[in-house]
Amino acid sequence: MKLLFTYCLITLLLCWSNPIISQEQDVAFTGNIHVSGSVQPIANASIQLKKGKIGTSSNADGRFILNVPSQFLPDSLVVSCVGFETLVVPLTASNKERMQLTLHPIVVKLGEVMVNKRDGLAIMKEVIARIPQNYDTTNIRLTASYREYIRLKDDTINYNESLLDIYKTFHTTKTNQNQIKILKGQKLPSDDHGDPRFYNWIKNITNTAYSSLSEDVQPYTEAPRSFMNANNFRYYNFDYVETIQKDTSNLMVISFSPKRSSKRALIEGKLYIEEATLAIVMCEWRLTPAGVRYINRHGKGGIGYTIMSAVLRASMDFRGIKTVINYKKHGDKWYLSAINRYWDVLIDSRKRNMKAIPWKGHFSMLVTDINTKDVKPFTNGVISPASSLNNEIRRTANRASWEDATILSQKVFDTLKNTETNSAKHDDHKPDSDIIHISNRANGFTYADTLRGMLSAPRTCYDVTFYHLDVDVDLASRAIKGNNKIKFKVVTPFKRMQVDLYANMPIDKILFKEQSLPYERVHNAVFIDFPEVQQEGTLQELSIFYKGTPQVPDLKLPMYGGFLWDKDALGNPWVQMVCQGSGASLLWDKDALGNPWVQMVCQGSGASLWWPNKDHQSDEPDSMRIWITVPQEYTEISNGVLAHKTPLANQKMRFEWKITYPINNYNVSFCIGKYAHFDDHYIDNNNDTLKLNYYVMPYHLQLGKQLFQQVKPMLKIYEKYFGKYPFPRDGFTLLESPYPMEHQSGVCIGKAIVDSSSLIIPRVMWHEVAHEWWGNAVTSKDIADMWIHEAFATYAESLMVEESYGKAAAIEYINNQRNEVLNHEPVIGVYDVNHIHYNIEDMYTKGSLLLHTFRSVLNDDERWFSLLKNIQAHFRYQTITSDELIDYICRQTGRNYRPIFDQYLRYTGIPTLQYSLLENNNNLTVRYRWQADHPNFDMPIKISVAENQFDTIYPSSEWKTVTLKNMNEDNFEVDEEGFYIKSAQIE
């Protein structure tokens, strides 16, 4: 219930089954559980061995199967369920006939006392207050059995079971999240009926094991839509029902249901609370009609569902969801014990003659072991929350050995020893003596950071006009050798200038007018001394000859780049140079086949990691030449237009690229591999022709042609919102690569081209291509302002969604980014020190949400999109600061919006709209104000003024009041979809 229904999202996960591996044989015990004296089945009963940590739960029909390794027998079966007496049944290897188990309801006998009606809401408040005492709020380690069972009408389309190793957090954050490993698993094969995309869509849903963990109600008392959130109590009735008994404990039953016809109360159900401790022992809930409407509007998968539904011409609508969560005591705390979830959905597809076909899902998790000592996050083997659990399981079982209620047998072993010890062998931890200082706010900055990040006199004294970079890449030795000719204009007279090149890259010589110049190396800076003063206004040039092996990356350190070697699927070397942030470096890694594959990634480390230049974003050359020499059997791709290919000695080929626009150092790139090439043309809105070049692996040629059909519509949308493509003379190149990166006029999309069974959501392509406008055409002057690149490029993704699938889908798409925001540091970094070695994700998500919010603030799409185009036109081919951009926005709109931008960019807090509500007859009086860090924060916001109708109010830091006619408290809403804010009702 983290966000209530986010775990219900259906996503695009279209992978195929893996090779069949035989399942080990165990002793299978089967049975039915029902209420004593009747045929009523008992669902969700816990069935566990008394000695062994093995168990399962009964399904909706009260059936179960428990597979037990023979060495665990004899033992006893412990069957328990809330409201019933616990049953213990002897178990031997010969006792394999179907068991008919009955549980007796427990009747609580009370003495003759005066009974006062208990206040359900008061009990709820006490329950929440006691959570820190009753519930373990630390990180814990769980072992759990898990089952996923999905049927389409009478057809089983997904049945899998697994044994899971779980790292569970109390409060999930961006830096501390739940993790799951599959220790073992099996699944039934299923028939795709000749329609694999459709059946993969409905059977491979978002990892339901992760979403089951999110059902845990106790940690999420602050979740916006949780019934446990005190802010939502006004939407629910909480009523004391009765007291029942479980084992030796009395349990109070509290029902919760919507008040009146509340649209905010999305679920209803019961809580079972231990009377002595006020600990939650069980929670069961189901969707209300409002909840069904809500989930069908918001909870089916956002953009992923929208795209797949449109492509497949199929839709799904929820009719109901039911969930039962059980807890058990371990020591003096309560822990998650079991979760059972039931989905009831209808599938429609006119294309397939399907109308209201029932799609039912049952997902069950049973915790069999709890570990609370020395718990640490997993370091490897973690499955993705976005993946399909069905696709993660490698083992396929024989259908004949399965029944509906099967659960995998669980062998007891020390998962800590088996996984953590092994993983440690493969971790490349640097020795303590080689610990690298990573500069950021937490670690502090050094003189080397100042040399790298500040525009000091030895840098500002000259302006680079042209680079000619000539590099020979040695694939065998993983080294490079080359020279860079730098043409520059003297801005102020000087005898000493600074360029940048990492200290591990030796310089052979520096030539100026055919003379060798002396130089001094300080950290990664190179200070060059001239024989005489260089006069203001003169044009000069020098050449730096160098060689070396660029640093290797340490992926555990933020934004620390280096060489990454990789290979394509055929085993051929594949080299790419990627440089975002402050420059370029090469990354070395391996693909899933274990073949080498080389790429250059240098986000944060600097272009001077591999070539000498003035490594500061403020100074872009007006144009550039890039010559890269490689073995002749390879293709090399850089920025701009390929002017020549020149054969050289030793079976080498030099690829000579021409760039005719200003380019930032971190955009200078190369990618080397055995590529297939095809091209096309795009006619823009002015009837100008843009050359499109595409490079893919030969085995992906047809898939690449299919995927890249999306390029022209994408360029048309970006041209509509941002203006003409910025680099028409240099053309537009898109290439498959080891790593995605926005290299100017040579955009890399990473390993986005996959097998033909998949349908790709081209988010990575949308984002990287958007950088041609935001980051490449308009560049931040200092790396601290890199939000200008990432926020606008991330926001551009939502514009692609809006154009393709509608504004509602775009709003959902962009608001999903809220879960990615950390708010640990301000979005704007520290100036003059190349501040990039920290988690910069808020530049993307929080920055994008700021732009989305500002669009709502303007409340005029014509002005908003005109502003985006004007920013591009005004600042094109320039480097700018945040202040320059914000000042321009204020001038264009005619209002001082700086407090809004400063609040989101320079503070970590999110503005909170505080309000109180008072009903008076048919009117609602609302008092409101902003609580924010910026003293002058005064952003307009929308609130509901009638049912399904919003209007704008203008809060400030002072209290204001408005009276809404014919409104009640239940219908009051703050527009938190259009604005990235918090809201808090106060008394």
Foldseek 3Di string as FASTA:
>chain_A
DQQPQLLQAFFFFQDDAFDADEDDAFQKAKAFEAAPPDLHGDFQKWKAWPPDLWTATAHNNRIAMGGAHQVVPFTWIWIFDPQWEIDIGTHHSVPRPYDYHHTYGFDDDDDDDDDDFDAQVVLLVVLLVLLVVAADQAKWKFWKKKWKWKDFQPFTLWTKIFIKIKTPHLDAALVRHIWIFTPAMAIAHGDPPPPSLVSSSQHFGFASVRSQSVVPLNSNLPRPQRCNPPQCVVQKGWGFDDWGDYDHFIWTKIWIDGDDPFLSNFKTWIFTATPVRRHTFKTKIKTDPSNQVVCQQFNHHFLRQLVSCVVQQKDKGWPMKMKMWGWDDDPRHIDTAKMKMKTWMFMDHVVVPGDRGTMMMIMMMGTSDMGDPPDDDADDNTDDSRGGPSRVHRHYYDPVVDDPRYIDTDDDDDPCCVGVVVVVVVDDDDPPVPDDQDDAPVRHFDVVLLVQFACDPLNVQKAWAEKEWAKEQDPVVQKIWTKIKTKIAGAAKDFKHKKFAAPQKDWPFKDWPNDTWDWDDDHGIIITGHPDIDHHGDMGMMMITIMHHFDEADVVFFQGHAKQWEAPPVQWEKAKWAFAQQAKHKYHDYDPVRHTYIYMYRGLNHNSSRHMGRRFQQHWHQWYKYKYKDQQQKDKDWFFAFPDWDADPPRMIITIHIGRGTWGRRLTMMMMDNWDKDWDWAQAPVRDIAIEIEIEHPVCVVLVVVVCVCVRVLQRLCCQQANHQQGRNRGAYEYEHCDFHQRASHGYQHNQRDDPSGDGPSLSVQLSPNLSQFPTFENARGSLQSLSRQQRSLLSSLSVCCVVRNNSSSLSVLVVLVSVDNLPAFQRGDHSRSRRRDPNCCSHNLSNLLLLLVCVLVVDVVLSSVLNNVVSVVRTSGHHHPVVSQVVVCVSVVHNPVLSVCQRHHGSDFKEKEWEWDDDPQKIKIKIAIDTDRQFDWGWWWKDLDQVDIDIDIHYRDIDMDMRGRDDPSRIDTPCSSHVHHYDYDD
